[in-house]
Amino acid sequence: MRHPLFIARTVLVKNGAVEEAMGVLNNIMARDGFFEQYRRTRFYEKPTEMRRRVNYTKCKSIYNEEMSRRLAFLMRVNRPDPYPGCS
């Protein structure tokens, strides 16, 4: 069952299927990062742990961007020869 995503995280309950609607709502909130934010702010996070977490996410995003760029290059059909004269 596909529900349209609303700004206020609203989920339509059809035919009294509350459990299914709760599952859809949990998926929407997980995709928005609500649970991660809740778990992170539940207890005090030391500044060193916060720096490590932020630096890790930065490095991870840079790595993912670079890998997606490389994969896009490899998947191109008309790409230039990366090693000219070595065939």
PDB file of N, CA and C in Angstrom:
ATOM      1  N   MET A   1       0.847  -1.171   0.000  1.00  0.00           N
ATOM      2  CA  MET A   1       0.000   0.000   0.000  1.00  0.00           C
ATOM      3  C   MET A   1       0.895   1.237   0.000  1.00  0.00           C
ATOM      4  N   ARG A   2       0.743   2.085  -0.969  1.00  0.00           N
ATOM      5  CA  ARG A   2       1.571   3.284  -1.097  1.00  0.00           C
ATOM      6  C   ARG A   2       0.774   4.490  -0.607  1.00  0.00           C
ATOM      7  N   HIS A   3       1.336   5.205   0.370  1.00  0.00           N
ATOM      8  CA  HIS A   3       0.726   6.422   0.873  1.00  0.00           C
ATOM      9  C   HIS A   3       1.516   7.620   0.376  1.00  0.00           C
ATOM     10  N   PRO A   4       0.840   8.693   0.024  1.00  0.00           N
ATOM     11  CA  PRO A   4       1.590   9.909  -0.324  1.00  0.00           C
ATOM     12  C   PRO A   4       2.244  10.478   0.930  1.00  0.00           C
ATOM     13  N   LEU A   5       3.463  11.006   0.781  1.00  0.00           N
ATOM     14  CA  LEU A   5       4.173  11.589   1.906  1.00  0.00           C
ATOM     15  C   LEU A   5       3.699  13.024   2.115  1.00  0.00           C
ATOM     16  N   PHE A   6       3.298  13.322   3.326  1.00  0.00           N
ATOM     17  CA  PHE A   6       2.855  14.664   3.664  1.00  0.00           C
ATOM     18  C   PHE A   6       3.939  15.340   4.495  1.00  0.00           C
ATOM     19  N   ILE A   7       3.838  16.656   4.589  1.00  0.00           N
ATOM     20  CA  ILE A   7       4.849  17.429   5.299  1.00  0.00           C
ATOM     21  C   ILE A   7       4.823  17.103   6.796  1.00  0.00           C
ATOM     22  N   ALA A   8       3.652  16.919   7.360  1.00  0.00           N
ATOM     23  CA  ALA A   8       3.531  16.720   8.804  1.00  0.00           C
ATOM     24  C   ALA A   8       3.567  15.248   9.177  1.00  0.00           C
ATOM     25  N   ARG A   9       4.116  14.384   8.330  1.00  0.00           N
ATOM     26  CA  ARG A   9       4.202  12.940   8.585  1.00  0.00           C
ATOM     27  C   ARG A   9       2.818  12.356   8.852  1.00  0.00           C
ATOM     28  N   THR A  10       1.901  12.635   7.963  1.00  0.00           N
ATOM     29  CA  THR A  10       0.542  12.137   8.076  1.00  0.00           C
ATOM     30  C   THR A  10       0.425  10.855   7.283  1.00  0.00           C
ATOM     31  N   VAL A  11      -0.261   9.873   7.858  1.00  0.00           N
ATOM     32  CA  VAL A  11      -0.458   8.589   7.192  1.00  0.00           C
ATOM     33  C   VAL A  11      -1.949   8.316   7.167  1.00  0.00           C
ATOM     34  N   LEU A  12      -2.443   7.881   6.031  1.00  0.00           N
ATOM     35  CA  LEU A  12      -3.854   7.537   5.902  1.00  0.00           C
ATOM     36  C   LEU A  12      -4.094   6.125   6.428  1.00  0.00           C
ATOM     37  N   VAL A  13      -5.142   5.975   7.247  1.00  0.00           N
ATOM     38  CA  VAL A  13      -5.531   4.661   7.755  1.00  0.00           C
ATOM     39  C   VAL A  13      -6.727   4.210   6.939  1.00  0.00           C
ATOM     40  N   LYS A  14      -6.543   3.119   6.212  1.00  0.00           N
ATOM     41  CA  LYS A  14      -7.613   2.620   5.361  1.00  0.00           C
ATOM     42  C   LYS A  14      -8.193   1.339   5.938  1.00  0.00           C
ATOM     43  N   ASN A  15      -9.495   1.270   6.017  1.00  0.00           N
ATOM     44  CA  ASN A  15     -10.241   0.096   6.485  1.00  0.00           C
ATOM     45  C   ASN A  15      -9.794  -0.353   7.868  1.00  0.00           C
ATOM     46  N   GLY A  16      -9.423   0.571   8.723  1.00  0.00           N
ATOM     47  CA  GLY A  16      -9.041   0.244  10.090  1.00  0.00           C
ATOM     48  C   GLY A  16      -7.716  -0.484  10.230  1.00  0.00           C
ATOM     49  N   ALA A  17      -6.847  -0.430   9.236  1.00  0.00           N
ATOM     50  CA  ALA A  17      -5.551  -1.101   9.292  1.00  0.00           C
ATOM     51  C   ALA A  17      -4.544  -0.205  10.013  1.00  0.00           C
ATOM     52  N   VAL A  18      -4.681  -0.143  11.337  1.00  0.00           N
ATOM     53  CA  VAL A  18      -3.837   0.746  12.136  1.00  0.00           C
ATOM     54  C   VAL A  18      -2.406   0.222  12.188  1.00  0.00           C
ATOM     55  N   GLU A  19      -2.230  -1.094  12.303  1.00  0.00           N
ATOM     56  CA  GLU A  19      -0.878  -1.661  12.384  1.00  0.00           C
ATOM     57  C   GLU A  19      -0.076  -1.357  11.119  1.00  0.00           C
ATOM     58  N   GLU A  20      -0.727  -1.500   9.981  1.00  0.00           N
ATOM     59  CA  GLU A  20      -0.047  -1.209   8.713  1.00  0.00           C
ATOM     60  C   GLU A  20       0.293   0.267   8.602  1.00  0.00           C
ATOM     61  N   ALA A  21      -0.621   1.134   9.059  1.00  0.00           N
ATOM     62  CA  ALA A  21      -0.365   2.570   9.030  1.00  0.00           C
ATOM     63  C   ALA A  21       0.786   2.936   9.959  1.00  0.00           C
ATOM     64  N   MET A  22       0.876   2.277  11.114  1.00  0.00           N
ATOM     65  CA  MET A  22       1.991   2.534  12.035  1.00  0.00           C
ATOM     66  C   MET A  22       3.316   2.099  11.407  1.00  0.00           C
ATOM     67  N   GLY A  23       3.304   0.992  10.679  1.00  0.00           N
ATOM     68  CA  GLY A  23       4.516   0.561   9.995  1.00  0.00           C
ATOM     69  C   GLY A  23       4.955   1.560   8.943  1.00  0.00           C
ATOM     70  N   VAL A  24       3.994   2.097   8.198  1.00  0.00           N
ATOM     71  CA  VAL A  24       4.309   3.105   7.178  1.00  0.00           C
ATOM     72  C   VAL A  24       4.867   4.362   7.838  1.00  0.00           C
ATOM     73  N   LEU A  25       4.237   4.766   8.956  1.00  0.00           N
ATOM     74  CA  LEU A  25       4.707   5.948   9.670  1.00  0.00           C
ATOM     75  C   LEU A  25       6.116   5.739  10.217  1.00  0.00           C
ATOM     76  N   ASN A  26       6.390   4.551  10.752  1.00  0.00           N
ATOM     77  CA  ASN A  26       7.737   4.267  11.253  1.00  0.00           C
ATOM     78  C   ASN A  26       8.759   4.305  10.131  1.00  0.00           C
ATOM     79  N   ASN A  27       8.407   3.801   8.957  1.00  0.00           N
ATOM     80  CA  ASN A  27       9.328   3.852   7.817  1.00  0.00           C
ATOM     81  C   ASN A  27       9.612   5.295   7.403  1.00  0.00           C
ATOM     82  N   ILE A  28       8.578   6.119   7.385  1.00  0.00           N
ATOM     83  CA  ILE A  28       8.750   7.529   7.007  1.00  0.00           C
ATOM     84  C   ILE A  28       9.656   8.230   8.015  1.00  0.00           C
ATOM     85  N   MET A  29       9.411   7.982   9.302  1.00  0.00           N
ATOM     86  CA  MET A  29      10.213   8.637  10.335  1.00  0.00           C
ATOM     87  C   MET A  29      11.652   8.135  10.314  1.00  0.00           C
ATOM     88  N   ALA A  30      11.860   6.860  10.033  1.00  0.00           N
ATOM     89  CA  ALA A  30      13.218   6.332   9.944  1.00  0.00           C
ATOM     90  C   ALA A  30      13.951   6.933   8.755  1.00  0.00           C
ATOM     91  N   ARG A  31      13.251   7.094   7.626  1.00  0.00           N
ATOM     92  CA  ARG A  31      13.869   7.684   6.445  1.00  0.00           C
ATOM     93  C   ARG A  31      14.245   9.142   6.687  1.00  0.00           C
ATOM     94  N   ASP A  32      13.448   9.850   7.506  1.00  0.00           N
ATOM     95  CA  ASP A  32      13.747  11.246   7.815  1.00  0.00           C
ATOM     96  C   ASP A  32      14.857  11.396   8.842  1.00  0.00           C
ATOM     97  N   GLY A  33      15.264  10.296   9.471  1.00  0.00           N
ATOM     98  CA  GLY A  33      16.318  10.366  10.469  1.00  0.00           C
ATOM     99  C   GLY A  33      15.825  10.735  11.847  1.00  0.00           C
ATOM    100  N   PHE A  34      14.533  10.569  12.087  1.00  0.00           N
ATOM    101  CA  PHE A  34      13.949  10.946  13.366  1.00  0.00           C
ATOM    102  C   PHE A  34      14.479  10.079  14.501  1.00  0.00           C
ATOM    103  N   PHE A  35      14.550   8.767  14.288  1.00  0.00           N
ATOM    104  CA  PHE A  35      14.975   7.858  15.342  1.00  0.00           C
ATOM    105  C   PHE A  35      16.456   8.030  15.669  1.00  0.00           C
ATOM    106  N   GLU A  36      17.269   8.264  14.659  1.00  0.00           N
ATOM    107  CA  GLU A  36      18.694   8.498  14.913  1.00  0.00           C
ATOM    108  C   GLU A  36      18.885   9.759  15.751  1.00  0.00           C
ATOM    109  N   GLN A  37      18.151  10.807  15.413  1.00  0.00           N
ATOM    110  CA  GLN A  37      18.240  12.049  16.173  1.00  0.00           C
ATOM    111  C   GLN A  37      17.769  11.833  17.607  1.00  0.00           C
ATOM    112  N   TYR A  38      16.713  11.057  17.784  1.00  0.00           N
ATOM    113  CA  TYR A  38      16.192  10.782  19.125  1.00  0.00           C
ATOM    114  C   TYR A  38      17.219  10.008  19.947  1.00  0.00           C
ATOM    115  N   ARG A  39      17.797   8.972  19.365  1.00  0.00           N
ATOM    116  CA  ARG A  39      18.782   8.172  20.093  1.00  0.00           C
ATOM    117  C   ARG A  39      20.030   8.988  20.424  1.00  0.00           C
ATOM    118  N   ARG A  40      20.383   9.892  19.514  1.00  0.00           N
ATOM    119  CA  ARG A  40      21.584  10.693  19.726  1.00  0.00           C
ATOM    120  C   ARG A  40      21.378  11.721  20.842  1.00  0.00           C
ATOM    121  N   THR A  41      20.200  12.305  20.951  1.00  0.00           N
ATOM    122  CA  THR A  41      19.959  13.350  21.947  1.00  0.00           C
ATOM    123  C   THR A  41      19.377  12.800  23.240  1.00  0.00           C
ATOM    124  N   ARG A  42      19.238  11.494  23.329  1.00  0.00           N
ATOM    125  CA  ARG A  42      18.668  10.897  24.535  1.00  0.00           C
ATOM    126  C   ARG A  42      19.621  11.038  25.720  1.00  0.00           C
ATOM    127  N   PHE A  43      20.904  10.886  25.475  1.00  0.00           N
ATOM    128  CA  PHE A  43      21.921  11.035  26.501  1.00  0.00           C
ATOM    129  C   PHE A  43      22.934  12.074  26.038  1.00  0.00           C
ATOM    130  N   TYR A  44      23.731  12.541  26.991  1.00  0.00           N
ATOM    131  CA  TYR A  44      24.758  13.523  26.671  1.00  0.00           C
ATOM    132  C   TYR A  44      25.837  12.867  25.815  1.00  0.00           C
ATOM    133  N   GLU A  45      26.229  13.586  24.780  1.00  0.00           N
ATOM    134  CA  GLU A  45      27.306  13.112  23.913  1.00  0.00           C
ATOM    135  C   GLU A  45      28.523  14.000  24.132  1.00  0.00           C
ATOM    136  N   LYS A  46      29.640  13.369  24.481  1.00  0.00           N
ATOM    137  CA  LYS A  46      30.853  14.146  24.729  1.00  0.00           C
ATOM    138  C   LYS A  46      31.278  14.867  23.453  1.00  0.00           C
ATOM    139  N   PRO A  47      31.924  16.012  23.591  1.00  0.00           N
ATOM    140  CA  PRO A  47      32.364  16.744  22.398  1.00  0.00           C
ATOM    141  C   PRO A  47      33.306  15.930  21.509  1.00  0.00           C
ATOM    142  N   THR A  48      34.168  15.108  22.118  1.00  0.00           N
ATOM    143  CA  THR A  48      35.072  14.294  21.295  1.00  0.00           C
ATOM    144  C   THR A  48      34.294  13.252  20.501  1.00  0.00           C
ATOM    145  N   GLU A  49      33.276  12.646  21.127  1.00  0.00           N
ATOM    146  CA  GLU A  49      32.447  11.676  20.409  1.00  0.00           C
ATOM    147  C   GLU A  49      31.668  12.349  19.285  1.00  0.00           C
ATOM    148  N   MET A  50      31.194  13.574  19.547  1.00  0.00           N
ATOM    149  CA  MET A  50      30.466  14.299  18.513  1.00  0.00           C
ATOM    150  C   MET A  50      31.378  14.613  17.328  1.00  0.00           C
ATOM    151  N   ARG A  51      32.621  15.046  17.619  1.00  0.00           N
ATOM    152  CA  ARG A  51      33.558  15.327  16.532  1.00  0.00           C
ATOM    153  C   ARG A  51      33.855  14.067  15.739  1.00  0.00           C
ATOM    154  N   ARG A  52      34.062  12.948  16.427  1.00  0.00           N
ATOM    155  CA  ARG A  52      34.337  11.686  15.730  1.00  0.00           C
ATOM    156  C   ARG A  52      33.166  11.292  14.838  1.00  0.00           C
ATOM    157  N   ARG A  53      31.934  11.436  15.359  1.00  0.00           N
ATOM    158  CA  ARG A  53      30.750  11.072  14.586  1.00  0.00           C
ATOM    159  C   ARG A  53      30.605  11.971  13.358  1.00  0.00           C
ATOM    160  N   VAL A  54      30.778  13.283  13.547  1.00  0.00           N
ATOM    161  CA  VAL A  54      30.636  14.228  12.435  1.00  0.00           C
ATOM    162  C   VAL A  54      31.716  13.984  11.387  1.00  0.00           C
ATOM    163  N   ASN A  55      32.958  13.775  11.837  1.00  0.00           N
ATOM    164  CA  ASN A  55      34.040  13.511  10.888  1.00  0.00           C
ATOM    165  C   ASN A  55      33.819  12.201  10.142  1.00  0.00           C
ATOM    166  N   TYR A  56      33.299  11.197  10.833  1.00  0.00           N
ATOM    167  CA  TYR A  56      33.013   9.921  10.185  1.00  0.00           C
ATOM    168  C   TYR A  56      31.945  10.086   9.110  1.00  0.00           C
ATOM    169  N   THR A  57      30.890  10.822   9.410  1.00  0.00           N
ATOM    170  CA  THR A  57      29.836  11.011   8.405  1.00  0.00           C
ATOM    171  C   THR A  57      30.347  11.821   7.217  1.00  0.00           C
ATOM    172  N   LYS A  58      31.218  12.803   7.477  1.00  0.00           N
ATOM    173  CA  LYS A  58      31.796  13.569   6.370  1.00  0.00           C
ATOM    174  C   LYS A  58      32.642  12.672   5.470  1.00  0.00           C
ATOM    175  N   CYS A  59      33.496  11.874   6.100  1.00  0.00           N
ATOM    176  CA  CYS A  59      34.360  10.975   5.317  1.00  0.00           C
ATOM    177  C   CYS A  59      33.530   9.952   4.560  1.00  0.00           C
ATOM    178  N   LYS A  60      32.483   9.463   5.183  1.00  0.00           N
ATOM    179  CA  LYS A  60      31.616   8.473   4.534  1.00  0.00           C
ATOM    180  C   LYS A  60      30.914   9.081   3.324  1.00  0.00           C
ATOM    181  N   SER A  61      30.426  10.318   3.451  1.00  0.00           N
ATOM    182  CA  SER A  61      29.752  10.946   2.324  1.00  0.00           C
ATOM    183  C   SER A  61      30.730  11.238   1.186  1.00  0.00           C
ATOM    184  N   ILE A  62      31.959  11.653   1.519  1.00  0.00           N
ATOM    185  CA  ILE A  62      32.970  11.896   0.491  1.00  0.00           C
ATOM    186  C   ILE A  62      33.301  10.596  -0.227  1.00  0.00           C
ATOM    187  N   TYR A  63      33.474   9.524   0.543  1.00  0.00           N
ATOM    188  CA  TYR A  63      33.782   8.212  -0.045  1.00  0.00           C
ATOM    189  C   TYR A  63      32.644   7.742  -0.955  1.00  0.00           C
ATOM    190  N   ASN A  64      31.414   7.867  -0.477  1.00  0.00           N
ATOM    191  CA  ASN A  64      30.270   7.427  -1.285  1.00  0.00           C
ATOM    192  C   ASN A  64      30.142   8.250  -2.567  1.00  0.00           C
ATOM    193  N   GLU A  65      30.393   9.544  -2.479  1.00  0.00           N
ATOM    194  CA  GLU A  65      30.326  10.401  -3.663  1.00  0.00           C
ATOM    195  C   GLU A  65      31.398  10.002  -4.675  1.00  0.00           C
ATOM    196  N   GLU A  66      32.610   9.743  -4.179  1.00  0.00           N
ATOM    197  CA  GLU A  66      33.705   9.355  -5.065  1.00  0.00           C
ATOM    198  C   GLU A  66      33.430   7.995  -5.718  1.00  0.00           C
ATOM    199  N   MET A  67      32.921   7.047  -4.931  1.00  0.00           N
ATOM    200  CA  MET A  67      32.626   5.733  -5.487  1.00  0.00           C
ATOM    201  C   MET A  67      31.496   5.803  -6.509  1.00  0.00           C
ATOM    202  N   SER A  68      30.478   6.606  -6.246  1.00  0.00           N
ATOM    203  CA  SER A  68      29.393   6.734  -7.222  1.00  0.00           C
ATOM    204  C   SER A  68      29.904   7.393  -8.502  1.00  0.00           C
ATOM    205  N   ARG A  69      30.838   8.359  -8.372  1.00  0.00           N
ATOM    206  CA  ARG A  69      31.420   8.988  -9.558  1.00  0.00           C
ATOM    207  C   ARG A  69      32.219   7.972 -10.362  1.00  0.00           C
ATOM    208  N   ARG A  70      33.006   7.131  -9.669  1.00  0.00           N
ATOM    209  CA  ARG A  70      33.791   6.109 -10.360  1.00  0.00           C
ATOM    210  C   ARG A  70      32.900   5.070 -11.025  1.00  0.00           C
ATOM    211  N   LEU A  71      31.853   4.658 -10.339  1.00  0.00           N
ATOM    212  CA  LEU A  71      30.933   3.682 -10.931  1.00  0.00           C
ATOM    213  C   LEU A  71      30.216   4.265 -12.141  1.00  0.00           C
ATOM    214  N   ALA A  72      29.850   5.545 -12.045  1.00  0.00           N
ATOM    215  CA  ALA A  72      29.212   6.183 -13.192  1.00  0.00           C
ATOM    216  C   ALA A  72      30.170   6.237 -14.376  1.00  0.00           C
ATOM    217  N   PHE A  73      31.459   6.467 -14.106  1.00  0.00           N
ATOM    218  CA  PHE A  73      32.441   6.478 -15.184  1.00  0.00           C
ATOM    219  C   PHE A  73      32.578   5.095 -15.807  1.00  0.00           C
ATOM    220  N   LEU A  74      32.618   4.063 -14.968  1.00  0.00           N
ATOM    221  CA  LEU A  74      32.770   2.709 -15.497  1.00  0.00           C
ATOM    222  C   LEU A  74      31.536   2.239 -16.268  1.00  0.00           C
ATOM    223  N   MET A  75      30.359   2.702 -15.873  1.00  0.00           N
ATOM    224  CA  MET A  75      29.127   2.249 -16.509  1.00  0.00           C
ATOM    225  C   MET A  75      28.806   3.020 -17.791  1.00  0.00           C
ATOM    226  N   ARG A  76      29.568   4.084 -18.060  1.00  0.00           N
ATOM    227  CA  ARG A  76      29.325   4.827 -19.305  1.00  0.00           C
ATOM    228  C   ARG A  76      29.661   3.960 -20.499  1.00  0.00           C
ATOM    229  N   VAL A  77      28.964   4.177 -21.580  1.00  0.00           N
ATOM    230  CA  VAL A  77      29.181   3.385 -22.784  1.00  0.00           C
ATOM    231  C   VAL A  77      30.314   3.967 -23.615  1.00  0.00           C
ATOM    232  N   ASN A  78      30.314   5.251 -23.845  1.00  0.00           N
ATOM    233  CA  ASN A  78      31.305   5.891 -24.713  1.00  0.00           C
ATOM    234  C   ASN A  78      32.388   6.575 -23.889  1.00  0.00           C
ATOM    235  N   ARG A  79      33.021   5.859 -22.981  1.00  0.00           N
ATOM    236  CA  ARG A  79      34.059   6.479 -22.171  1.00  0.00           C
ATOM    237  C   ARG A  79      35.398   6.412 -22.903  1.00  0.00           C
ATOM    238  N   PRO A  80      36.274   7.372 -22.647  1.00  0.00           N
ATOM    239  CA  PRO A  80      37.604   7.324 -23.269  1.00  0.00           C
ATOM    240  C   PRO A  80      38.425   6.190 -22.663  1.00  0.00           C
ATOM    241  N   ASP A  81      39.405   5.725 -23.404  1.00  0.00           N
ATOM    242  CA  ASP A  81      40.264   4.637 -22.925  1.00  0.00           C
ATOM    243  C   ASP A  81      41.090   5.137 -21.747  1.00  0.00           C
ATOM    244  N   PRO A  82      40.942   4.527 -20.556  1.00  0.00           N
ATOM    245  CA  PRO A  82      41.694   5.027 -19.410  1.00  0.00           C
ATOM    246  C   PRO A  82      43.188   4.744 -19.515  1.00  0.00           C
ATOM    247  N   TYR A  83      43.567   3.729 -20.273  1.00  0.00           N
ATOM    248  CA  TYR A  83      45.003   3.396 -20.439  1.00  0.00           C
ATOM    249  C   TYR A  83      45.332   3.393 -21.927  1.00  0.00           C
ATOM    250  N   PRO A  84      45.558   4.561 -22.539  1.00  0.00           N
ATOM    251  CA  PRO A  84      45.807   4.607 -23.972  1.00  0.00           C
ATOM    252  C   PRO A  84      47.141   3.931 -24.325  1.00  0.00           C
ATOM    253  N   GLY A  85      47.128   3.138 -25.343  1.00  0.00           N
ATOM    254  CA  GLY A  85      48.340   2.487 -25.835  1.00  0.00           C
ATOM    255  C   GLY A  85      48.716   1.226 -25.102  1.00  0.00           C
ATOM    256  N   CYS A  86      47.885   0.745 -24.178  1.00  0.00           N
ATOM    257  CA  CYS A  86      48.219  -0.439 -23.398  1.00  0.00           C
ATOM    258  C   CYS A  86      47.394  -1.650 -23.807  1.00  0.00           C
ATOM    259  N   SER A  87      46.685  -1.593 -24.906  1.00  0.00           N
ATOM    260  CA  SER A  87      45.829  -2.709 -25.263  1.00  0.00           C
ATOM    261  C   SER A  87      46.500  -3.717 -26.158  1.00  0.00           C
TER     262      SER A  87
END
